[in-house]
PDB file of N, CA and C in Angstrom:
ATOM      1  N   MET A   1      49.590  81.013 214.419  1.00  0.00           N
ATOM      2  CA  MET A   1      50.013  79.799 213.751  1.00  0.00           C
ATOM      3  C   MET A   1      51.330  79.326 214.367  1.00  0.00           C
ATOM      4  N   GLU A   2      51.446  78.015 214.433  1.00  0.00           N
ATOM      5  CA  GLU A   2      52.679  77.409 214.926  1.00  0.00           C
ATOM      6  C   GLU A   2      53.636  77.303 213.733  1.00  0.00           C
ATOM      7  N   THR A   3      54.694  78.098 213.742  1.00  0.00           N
ATOM      8  CA  THR A   3      55.597  78.171 212.584  1.00  0.00           C
ATOM      9  C   THR A   3      56.451  76.925 212.399  1.00  0.00           C
ATOM     10  N   ASP A   4      56.603  76.128 213.444  1.00  0.00           N
ATOM     11  CA  ASP A   4      57.416  74.914 213.320  1.00  0.00           C
ATOM     12  C   ASP A   4      56.593  73.710 212.841  1.00  0.00           C
ATOM     13  N   GLU A   5      55.341  73.925 212.466  1.00  0.00           N
ATOM     14  CA  GLU A   5      54.455  72.876 211.972  1.00  0.00           C
ATOM     15  C   GLU A   5      54.073  73.156 210.521  1.00  0.00           C
ATOM     16  N   GLU A   6      53.572  72.140 209.851  1.00  0.00           N
ATOM     17  CA  GLU A   6      53.072  72.289 208.484  1.00  0.00           C
ATOM     18  C   GLU A   6      51.862  73.228 208.486  1.00  0.00           C
ATOM     19  N   PRO A   7      51.672  74.024 207.406  1.00  0.00           N
ATOM     20  CA  PRO A   7      50.512  74.924 207.351  1.00  0.00           C
ATOM     21  C   PRO A   7      49.175  74.193 207.499  1.00  0.00           C
ATOM     22  N   GLY A   8      49.077  72.967 206.994  1.00  0.00           N
ATOM     23  CA  GLY A   8      47.843  72.204 207.068  1.00  0.00           C
ATOM     24  C   GLY A   8      47.676  71.380 208.330  1.00  0.00           C
ATOM     25  N   TRP A   9      48.613  71.539 209.286  1.00  0.00           N
ATOM     26  CA  TRP A   9      48.512  70.808 210.539  1.00  0.00           C
ATOM     27  C   TRP A   9      47.191  71.161 211.215  1.00  0.00           C
ATOM     28  N   GLU A  10      46.520  70.157 211.763  1.00  0.00           N
ATOM     29  CA  GLU A  10      45.223  70.375 212.403  1.00  0.00           C
ATOM     30  C   GLU A  10      45.274  71.464 213.472  1.00  0.00           C
ATOM     31  N   GLY A  11      46.346  71.551 214.222  1.00  0.00           N
ATOM     32  CA  GLY A  11      46.473  72.589 215.246  1.00  0.00           C
ATOM     33  C   GLY A  11      46.458  73.985 214.649  1.00  0.00           C
ATOM     34  N   ASN A  12      47.097  74.174 213.491  1.00  0.00           N
ATOM     35  CA  ASN A  12      47.075  75.487 212.835  1.00  0.00           C
ATOM     36  C   ASN A  12      45.678  75.831 212.322  1.00  0.00           C
ATOM     37  N   ILE A  13      44.938  74.836 211.858  1.00  0.00           N
ATOM     38  CA  ILE A  13      43.556  75.068 211.423  1.00  0.00           C
ATOM     39  C   ILE A  13      42.715  75.474 212.632  1.00  0.00           C
ATOM     40  N   ILE A  14      42.889  74.775 213.738  1.00  0.00           N
ATOM     41  CA  ILE A  14      42.159  75.089 214.969  1.00  0.00           C
ATOM     42  C   ILE A  14      42.489  76.510 215.443  1.00  0.00           C
ATOM     43  N   LEU A  15      43.769  76.876 215.416  1.00  0.00           N
ATOM     44  CA  LEU A  15      44.168  78.240 215.808  1.00  0.00           C
ATOM     45  C   LEU A  15      43.557  79.276 214.875  1.00  0.00           C
ATOM     46  N   ALA A  16      43.522  78.994 213.575  1.00  0.00           N
ATOM     47  CA  ALA A  16      42.937  79.934 212.606  1.00  0.00           C
ATOM     48  C   ALA A  16      41.441  80.134 212.869  1.00  0.00           C
ATOM     49  N   LEU A  17      40.784  79.138 213.438  1.00  0.00           N
ATOM     50  CA  LEU A  17      39.363  79.252 213.786  1.00  0.00           C
ATOM     51  C   LEU A  17      39.159  79.976 215.118  1.00  0.00           C
ATOM     52  N   GLY A  18      40.256  80.327 215.796  1.00  0.00           N
ATOM     53  CA  GLY A  18      40.163  81.041 217.063  1.00  0.00           C
ATOM     54  C   GLY A  18      39.928  80.124 218.254  1.00  0.00           C
ATOM     55  N   ILE A  19      40.331  78.865 218.130  1.00  0.00           N
ATOM     56  CA  ILE A  19      40.125  77.877 219.184  1.00  0.00           C
ATOM     57  C   ILE A  19      41.465  77.571 219.849  1.00  0.00           C
ATOM     58  N   ASP A  20      41.467  77.531 221.172  1.00  0.00           N
ATOM     59  CA  ASP A  20      42.662  77.135 221.917  1.00  0.00           C
ATOM     60  C   ASP A  20      42.659  75.619 222.021  1.00  0.00           C
ATOM     61  N   TYR A  21      43.706  74.968 221.533  1.00  0.00           N
ATOM     62  CA  TYR A  21      43.722  73.510 221.546  1.00  0.00           C
ATOM     63  C   TYR A  21      44.356  72.914 222.792  1.00  0.00           C
ATOM     64  N   GLY A  22      44.982  73.723 223.623  1.00  0.00           N
ATOM     65  CA  GLY A  22      45.540  73.238 224.880  1.00  0.00           C
ATOM     66  C   GLY A  22      46.446  72.038 224.689  1.00  0.00           C
ATOM     67  N   ASP A  23      46.143  70.957 225.378  1.00  0.00           N
ATOM     68  CA  ASP A  23      46.972  69.748 225.278  1.00  0.00           C
ATOM     69  C   ASP A  23      46.256  68.637 224.506  1.00  0.00           C
ATOM     70  N   ARG A  24      45.355  69.007 223.625  1.00  0.00           N
ATOM     71  CA  ARG A  24      44.580  68.035 222.844  1.00  0.00           C
ATOM     72  C   ARG A  24      45.450  67.303 221.831  1.00  0.00           C
ATOM     73  N   ASN A  25      44.991  66.131 221.426  1.00  0.00           N
ATOM     74  CA  ASN A  25      45.672  65.277 220.465  1.00  0.00           C
ATOM     75  C   ASN A  25      45.362  65.755 219.043  1.00  0.00           C
ATOM     76  N   LEU A  26      46.299  66.461 218.430  1.00  0.00           N
ATOM     77  CA  LEU A  26      46.164  66.948 217.057  1.00  0.00           C
ATOM     78  C   LEU A  26      47.414  66.543 216.294  1.00  0.00           C
ATOM     79  N   CYS A  27      47.377  65.380 215.695  1.00  0.00           N
ATOM     80  CA  CYS A  27      48.577  64.864 215.018  1.00  0.00           C
ATOM     81  C   CYS A  27      48.272  64.501 213.568  1.00  0.00           C
ATOM     82  N   GLY A  28      47.564  65.381 212.897  1.00  0.00           N
ATOM     83  CA  GLY A  28      47.234  65.137 211.500  1.00  0.00           C
ATOM     84  C   GLY A  28      47.377  66.393 210.678  1.00  0.00           C
ATOM     85  N   ASN A  29      47.316  66.225 209.369  1.00  0.00           N
ATOM     86  CA  ASN A  29      47.375  67.343 208.426  1.00  0.00           C
ATOM     87  C   ASN A  29      46.165  67.304 207.508  1.00  0.00           C
ATOM     88  N   ILE A  30      45.573  68.459 207.276  1.00  0.00           N
ATOM     89  CA  ILE A  30      44.463  68.580 206.343  1.00  0.00           C
ATOM     90  C   ILE A  30      45.056  68.578 204.930  1.00  0.00           C
ATOM     91  N   LEU A  31      44.631  67.622 204.116  1.00  0.00           N
ATOM     92  CA  LEU A  31      45.154  67.485 202.759  1.00  0.00           C
ATOM     93  C   LEU A  31      44.299  68.197 201.728  1.00  0.00           C
ATOM     94  N   HIS A  32      42.994  68.241 201.975  1.00  0.00           N
ATOM     95  CA  HIS A  32      42.060  68.799 201.003  1.00  0.00           C
ATOM     96  C   HIS A  32      40.865  69.358 201.754  1.00  0.00           C
ATOM     97  N   CYS A  33      40.330  70.464 201.252  1.00  0.00           N
ATOM     98  CA  CYS A  33      39.161  71.085 201.861  1.00  0.00           C
ATOM     99  C   CYS A  33      38.278  71.635 200.743  1.00  0.00           C
ATOM    100  N   ASP A  34      36.965  71.351 200.815  1.00  0.00           N
ATOM    101  CA  ASP A  34      36.041  71.785 199.772  1.00  0.00           C
ATOM    102  C   ASP A  34      34.688  72.080 200.396  1.00  0.00           C
ATOM    103  N   LEU A  35      34.087  73.213 200.025  1.00  0.00           N
ATOM    104  CA  LEU A  35      32.751  73.583 200.483  1.00  0.00           C
ATOM    105  C   LEU A  35      31.805  73.481 199.298  1.00  0.00           C
ATOM    106  N   LYS A  36      30.804  72.582 199.419  1.00  0.00           N
ATOM    107  CA  LYS A  36      29.860  72.371 198.330  1.00  0.00           C
ATOM    108  C   LYS A  36      28.466  72.130 198.908  1.00  0.00           C
ATOM    109  N   ASP A  37      27.490  72.900 198.450  1.00  0.00           N
ATOM    110  CA  ASP A  37      26.100  72.748 198.883  1.00  0.00           C
ATOM    111  C   ASP A  37      25.946  72.793 200.397  1.00  0.00           C
ATOM    112  N   GLY A  38      26.687  73.674 201.046  1.00  0.00           N
ATOM    113  CA  GLY A  38      26.583  73.838 202.486  1.00  0.00           C
ATOM    114  C   GLY A  38      27.283  72.778 203.315  1.00  0.00           C
ATOM    115  N   VAL A  39      28.042  71.908 202.655  1.00  0.00           N
ATOM    116  CA  VAL A  39      28.786  70.861 203.366  1.00  0.00           C
ATOM    117  C   VAL A  39      30.274  71.125 203.184  1.00  0.00           C
ATOM    118  N   LEU A  40      30.991  71.225 204.289  1.00  0.00           N
ATOM    119  CA  LEU A  40      32.432  71.399 204.256  1.00  0.00           C
ATOM    120  C   LEU A  40      33.068  70.019 204.342  1.00  0.00           C
ATOM    121  N   GLU A  41      33.801  69.658 203.323  1.00  0.00           N
ATOM    122  CA  GLU A  41      34.441  68.347 203.272  1.00  0.00           C
ATOM    123  C   GLU A  41      35.939  68.524 203.413  1.00  0.00           C
ATOM    124  N   MET A  42      36.523  67.777 204.348  1.00  0.00           N
ATOM    125  CA  MET A  42      37.965  67.833 204.578  1.00  0.00           C
ATOM    126  C   MET A  42      38.533  66.427 204.495  1.00  0.00           C
ATOM    127  N   GLU A  43      39.707  66.328 203.929  1.00  0.00           N
ATOM    128  CA  GLU A  43      40.436  65.069 203.927  1.00  0.00           C
ATOM    129  C   GLU A  43      41.714  65.293 204.712  1.00  0.00           C
ATOM    130  N   ALA A  44      41.987  64.401 205.642  1.00  0.00           N
ATOM    131  CA  ALA A  44      43.160  64.544 206.499  1.00  0.00           C
ATOM    132  C   ALA A  44      43.926  63.234 206.558  1.00  0.00           C
ATOM    133  N   GLU A  45      45.212  63.381 206.790  1.00  0.00           N
ATOM    134  CA  GLU A  45      46.055  62.229 207.076  1.00  0.00           C
ATOM    135  C   GLU A  45      46.458  62.372 208.534  1.00  0.00           C
ATOM    136  N   GLU A  46      46.104  61.370 209.335  1.00  0.00           N
ATOM    137  CA  GLU A  46      46.344  61.467 210.766  1.00  0.00           C
ATOM    138  C   GLU A  46      47.202  60.312 211.254  1.00  0.00           C
ATOM    139  N   VAL A  47      48.063  60.618 212.211  1.00  0.00           N
ATOM    140  CA  VAL A  47      48.913  59.602 212.806  1.00  0.00           C
ATOM    141  C   VAL A  47      48.088  58.753 213.773  1.00  0.00           C
ATOM    142  N   ALA A  48      47.252  59.396 214.559  1.00  0.00           N
ATOM    143  CA  ALA A  48      46.399  58.684 215.509  1.00  0.00           C
ATOM    144  C   ALA A  48      45.144  58.201 214.799  1.00  0.00           C
ATOM    145  N   PHE A  49      44.487  57.222 215.379  1.00  0.00           N
ATOM    146  CA  PHE A  49      43.272  56.666 214.802  1.00  0.00           C
ATOM    147  C   PHE A  49      42.229  57.760 214.586  1.00  0.00           C
ATOM    148  N   ILE A  50      41.868  58.466 215.628  1.00  0.00           N
ATOM    149  CA  ILE A  50      40.961  59.612 215.545  1.00  0.00           C
ATOM    150  C   ILE A  50      41.530  60.683 216.465  1.00  0.00           C
ATOM    151  N   THR A  51      41.785  61.869 215.937  1.00  0.00           N
ATOM    152  CA  THR A  51      42.343  62.944 216.755  1.00  0.00           C
ATOM    153  C   THR A  51      41.215  63.749 217.405  1.00  0.00           C
ATOM    154  N   ASP A  52      41.583  64.772 218.157  1.00  0.00           N
ATOM    155  CA  ASP A  52      40.603  65.615 218.841  1.00  0.00           C
ATOM    156  C   ASP A  52      40.102  66.767 217.971  1.00  0.00           C
ATOM    157  N   PHE A  53      40.469  66.814 216.711  1.00  0.00           N
ATOM    158  CA  PHE A  53      40.053  67.882 215.804  1.00  0.00           C
ATOM    159  C   PHE A  53      38.531  68.005 215.789  1.00  0.00           C
ATOM    160  N   LYS A  54      37.831  66.900 215.588  1.00  0.00           N
ATOM    161  CA  LYS A  54      36.365  66.869 215.533  1.00  0.00           C
ATOM    162  C   LYS A  54      35.759  67.421 216.826  1.00  0.00           C
ATOM    163  N   ILE A  55      36.293  67.005 217.955  1.00  0.00           N
ATOM    164  CA  ILE A  55      35.763  67.423 219.257  1.00  0.00           C
ATOM    165  C   ILE A  55      35.916  68.931 219.439  1.00  0.00           C
ATOM    166  N   LEU A  56      37.089  69.464 219.109  1.00  0.00           N
ATOM    167  CA  LEU A  56      37.327  70.900 219.254  1.00  0.00           C
ATOM    168  C   LEU A  56      36.397  71.717 218.362  1.00  0.00           C
ATOM    169  N   VAL A  57      36.205  71.283 217.132  1.00  0.00           N
ATOM    170  CA  VAL A  57      35.327  72.013 216.203  1.00  0.00           C
ATOM    171  C   VAL A  57      33.881  71.954 216.684  1.00  0.00           C
ATOM    172  N   GLU A  58      33.408  70.778 217.079  1.00  0.00           N
ATOM    173  CA  GLU A  58      32.020  70.668 217.558  1.00  0.00           C
ATOM    174  C   GLU A  58      31.794  71.460 218.848  1.00  0.00           C
ATOM    175  N   ASN A  59      32.763  71.488 219.734  1.00  0.00           N
ATOM    176  CA  ASN A  59      32.619  72.267 220.970  1.00  0.00           C
ATOM    177  C   ASN A  59      32.597  73.763 220.700  1.00  0.00           C
ATOM    178  N   HIS A  60      33.337  74.199 219.679  1.00  0.00           N
ATOM    179  CA  HIS A  60      33.392  75.623 219.349  1.00  0.00           C
ATOM    180  C   HIS A  60      32.131  76.082 218.607  1.00  0.00           C
ATOM    181  N   TYR A  61      31.659  75.271 217.680  1.00  0.00           N
ATOM    182  CA  TYR A  61      30.459  75.580 216.891  1.00  0.00           C
ATOM    183  C   TYR A  61      29.347  74.659 217.370  1.00  0.00           C
ATOM    184  N   LYS A  62      28.602  75.101 218.355  1.00  0.00           N
ATOM    185  CA  LYS A  62      27.630  74.264 219.062  1.00  0.00           C
ATOM    186  C   LYS A  62      26.569  73.640 218.149  1.00  0.00           C
ATOM    187  N   ASP A  63      26.191  74.287 217.055  1.00  0.00           N
ATOM    188  CA  ASP A  63      25.162  73.749 216.162  1.00  0.00           C
ATOM    189  C   ASP A  63      25.735  72.907 215.028  1.00  0.00           C
ATOM    190  N   MET A  64      27.026  72.640 215.064  1.00  0.00           N
ATOM    191  CA  MET A  64      27.667  71.899 213.981  1.00  0.00           C
ATOM    192  C   MET A  64      27.893  70.447 214.398  1.00  0.00           C
ATOM    193  N   LYS A  65      27.598  69.549 213.494  1.00  0.00           N
ATOM    194  CA  LYS A  65      27.899  68.131 213.689  1.00  0.00           C
ATOM    195  C   LYS A  65      28.970  67.746 212.682  1.00  0.00           C
ATOM    196  N   VAL A  66      30.038  67.142 213.158  1.00  0.00           N
ATOM    197  CA  VAL A  66      31.136  66.715 212.300  1.00  0.00           C
ATOM    198  C   VAL A  66      31.011  65.208 212.100  1.00  0.00           C
ATOM    199  N   TYR A  67      30.891  64.804 210.849  1.00  0.00           N
ATOM    200  CA  TYR A  67      30.877  63.382 210.511  1.00  0.00           C
ATOM    201  C   TYR A  67      32.243  63.015 209.959  1.00  0.00           C
ATOM    202  N   PHE A  68      32.700  61.820 210.297  1.00  0.00           N
ATOM    203  CA  PHE A  68      34.028  61.413 209.849  1.00  0.00           C
ATOM    204  C   PHE A  68      34.035  59.956 209.434  1.00  0.00           C
ATOM    205  N   ILE A  69      35.047  59.625 208.673  1.00  0.00           N
ATOM    206  CA  ILE A  69      35.338  58.243 208.330  1.00  0.00           C
ATOM    207  C   ILE A  69      36.846  58.088 208.410  1.00  0.00           C
ATOM    208  N   THR A  70      37.291  56.980 208.973  1.00  0.00           N
ATOM    209  CA  THR A  70      38.717  56.674 208.993  1.00  0.00           C
ATOM    210  C   THR A  70      38.933  55.363 208.256  1.00  0.00           C
ATOM    211  N   GLU A  71      40.102  55.236 207.701  1.00  0.00           N
ATOM    212  CA  GLU A  71      40.474  54.010 207.001  1.00  0.00           C
ATOM    213  C   GLU A  71      41.861  53.611 207.482  1.00  0.00           C
ATOM    214  N   ASP A  72      42.041  52.347 207.829  1.00  0.00           N
ATOM    215  CA  ASP A  72      43.359  51.917 208.291  1.00  0.00           C
ATOM    216  C   ASP A  72      44.319  51.821 207.107  1.00  0.00           C
ATOM    217  N   LYS A  73      45.587  51.657 207.394  1.00  0.00           N
ATOM    218  CA  LYS A  73      46.623  51.676 206.350  1.00  0.00           C
ATOM    219  C   LYS A  73      46.429  50.601 205.294  1.00  0.00           C
ATOM    220  N   GLU A  74      45.884  49.451 205.657  1.00  0.00           N
ATOM    221  CA  GLU A  74      45.666  48.387 204.684  1.00  0.00           C
ATOM    222  C   GLU A  74      44.369  48.594 203.897  1.00  0.00           C
ATOM    223  N   GLY A  75      43.539  49.543 204.333  1.00  0.00           N
ATOM    224  CA  GLY A  75      42.324  49.873 203.613  1.00  0.00           C
ATOM    225  C   GLY A  75      41.197  48.877 203.772  1.00  0.00           C
ATOM    226  N   ASP A  76      41.236  48.079 204.855  1.00  0.00           N
ATOM    227  CA  ASP A  76      40.165  47.102 204.998  1.00  0.00           C
ATOM    228  C   ASP A  76      39.327  47.280 206.266  1.00  0.00           C
ATOM    229  N   ILE A  77      39.636  48.272 207.082  1.00  0.00           N
ATOM    230  CA  ILE A  77      38.819  48.572 208.256  1.00  0.00           C
ATOM    231  C   ILE A  77      38.415  50.043 208.201  1.00  0.00           C
ATOM    232  N   TYR A  78      37.118  50.288 208.182  1.00  0.00           N
ATOM    233  CA  TYR A  78      36.579  51.641 208.146  1.00  0.00           C
ATOM    234  C   TYR A  78      35.823  51.914 209.438  1.00  0.00           C
ATOM    235  N   THR A  79      36.022  53.105 209.981  1.00  0.00           N
ATOM    236  CA  THR A  79      35.332  53.530 211.193  1.00  0.00           C
ATOM    237  C   THR A  79      34.657  54.865 210.888  1.00  0.00           C
ATOM    238  N   THR A  80      33.422  55.024 211.338  1.00  0.00           N
ATOM    239  CA  THR A  80      32.686  56.252 211.088  1.00  0.00           C
ATOM    240  C   THR A  80      31.701  56.521 212.216  1.00  0.00           C
ATOM    241  N   ASN A  81      31.231  57.744 212.308  1.00  0.00           N
ATOM    242  CA  ASN A  81      30.123  58.079 213.197  1.00  0.00           C
ATOM    243  C   ASN A  81      28.860  58.346 212.367  1.00  0.00           C
ATOM    244  N   ASP A  82      28.910  58.056 211.083  1.00  0.00           N
ATOM    245  CA  ASP A  82      27.785  58.215 210.154  1.00  0.00           C
ATOM    246  C   ASP A  82      27.065  56.862 210.028  1.00  0.00           C
ATOM    247  N   ALA A  83      26.332  56.497 211.083  1.00  0.00           N
ATOM    248  CA  ALA A  83      25.730  55.167 211.181  1.00  0.00           C
ATOM    249  C   ALA A  83      24.795  54.838 210.018  1.00  0.00           C
ATOM    250  N   TYR A  84      24.131  55.830 209.451  1.00  0.00           N
ATOM    251  CA  TYR A  84      23.157  55.579 208.380  1.00  0.00           C
ATOM    252  C   TYR A  84      23.714  55.858 206.992  1.00  0.00           C
ATOM    253  N   ARG A  85      25.034  56.073 206.900  1.00  0.00           N
ATOM    254  CA  ARG A  85      25.723  56.335 205.631  1.00  0.00           C
ATOM    255  C   ARG A  85      25.090  57.494 204.849  1.00  0.00           C
ATOM    256  N   LYS A  86      24.703  58.528 205.569  1.00  0.00           N
ATOM    257  CA  LYS A  86      24.129  59.717 204.938  1.00  0.00           C
ATOM    258  C   LYS A  86      25.184  60.462 204.126  1.00  0.00           C
ATOM    259  N   TYR A  87      26.404  60.531 204.650  1.00  0.00           N
ATOM    260  CA  TYR A  87      27.472  61.277 203.988  1.00  0.00           C
ATOM    261  C   TYR A  87      28.514  60.379 203.333  1.00  0.00           C
ATOM    262  N   PHE A  88      28.650  59.176 203.813  1.00  0.00           N
ATOM    263  CA  PHE A  88      29.653  58.245 203.278  1.00  0.00           C
ATOM    264  C   PHE A  88      28.938  57.043 202.674  1.00  0.00           C
ATOM    265  N   HIS A  89      28.461  57.217 201.466  1.00  0.00           N
ATOM    266  CA  HIS A  89      27.618  56.220 200.796  1.00  0.00           C
ATOM    267  C   HIS A  89      28.372  54.961 200.392  1.00  0.00           C
ATOM    268  N   GLY A  90      29.632  55.064 200.037  1.00  0.00           N
ATOM    269  CA  GLY A  90      30.361  53.941 199.481  1.00  0.00           C
ATOM    270  C   GLY A  90      31.034  53.026 200.484  1.00  0.00           C
ATOM    271  N   LEU A  91      30.626  53.093 201.733  1.00  0.00           N
ATOM    272  CA  LEU A  91      31.244  52.243 202.752  1.00  0.00           C
ATOM    273  C   LEU A  91      30.902  50.773 202.521  1.00  0.00           C
ATOM    274  N   PRO A  92      31.860  49.875 202.778  1.00  0.00           N
ATOM    275  CA  PRO A  92      31.537  48.450 202.724  1.00  0.00           C
ATOM    276  C   PRO A  92      30.580  48.113 203.878  1.00  0.00           C
ATOM    277  N   SER A  93      29.934  46.991 203.805  1.00  0.00           N
ATOM    278  CA  SER A  93      28.923  46.632 204.793  1.00  0.00           C
ATOM    279  C   SER A  93      29.490  46.316 206.178  1.00  0.00           C
ATOM    280  N   ASP A  94      30.774  46.067 206.290  1.00  0.00           N
ATOM    281  CA  ASP A  94      31.365  45.672 207.576  1.00  0.00           C
ATOM    282  C   ASP A  94      32.109  46.820 208.269  1.00  0.00           C
ATOM    283  N   TYR A  95      31.651  48.047 208.085  1.00  0.00           N
ATOM    284  CA  TYR A  95      32.282  49.199 208.749  1.00  0.00           C
ATOM    285  C   TYR A  95      31.914  49.219 210.229  1.00  0.00           C
ATOM    286  N   ILE A  96      32.699  49.943 211.013  1.00  0.00           N
ATOM    287  CA  ILE A  96      32.506  50.051 212.455  1.00  0.00           C
ATOM    288  C   ILE A  96      31.940  51.440 212.764  1.00  0.00           C
ATOM    289  N   VAL A  97      30.876  51.485 213.570  1.00  0.00           N
ATOM    290  CA  VAL A  97      30.275  52.755 213.963  1.00  0.00           C
ATOM    291  C   VAL A  97      30.718  53.101 215.373  1.00  0.00           C
ATOM    292  N   VAL A  98      31.219  54.327 215.542  1.00  0.00           N
ATOM    293  CA  VAL A  98      31.635  54.834 216.857  1.00  0.00           C
ATOM    294  C   VAL A  98      30.876  56.110 217.147  1.00  0.00           C
ATOM    295  N   PRO A  99      30.741  56.452 218.423  1.00  0.00           N
ATOM    296  CA  PRO A  99      30.017  57.704 218.761  1.00  0.00           C
ATOM    297  C   PRO A  99      30.773  58.934 218.309  1.00  0.00           C
TER     298      PRO A  99
END
């Protein structure tokens, strides 16, 4: 663990999973984590639009798919990779889908 960072910093979570983050963009903190019905749900506050946390986890766990949603500070632009709203049901109709 990086002692000069917050315990919930994404880099510390990645290190706890046994993943080397190298020079990846990890500038967020995990605020909440819950495992329910086989789905791990995390809420994070990130400085960057989308950090490399998702990429590192998916590369480490080859059979895992990470779905995410981001919301801008004004709360009117949503970005997700959940194109069919399987996990994020309450999205407004004008959300942006990214790979």
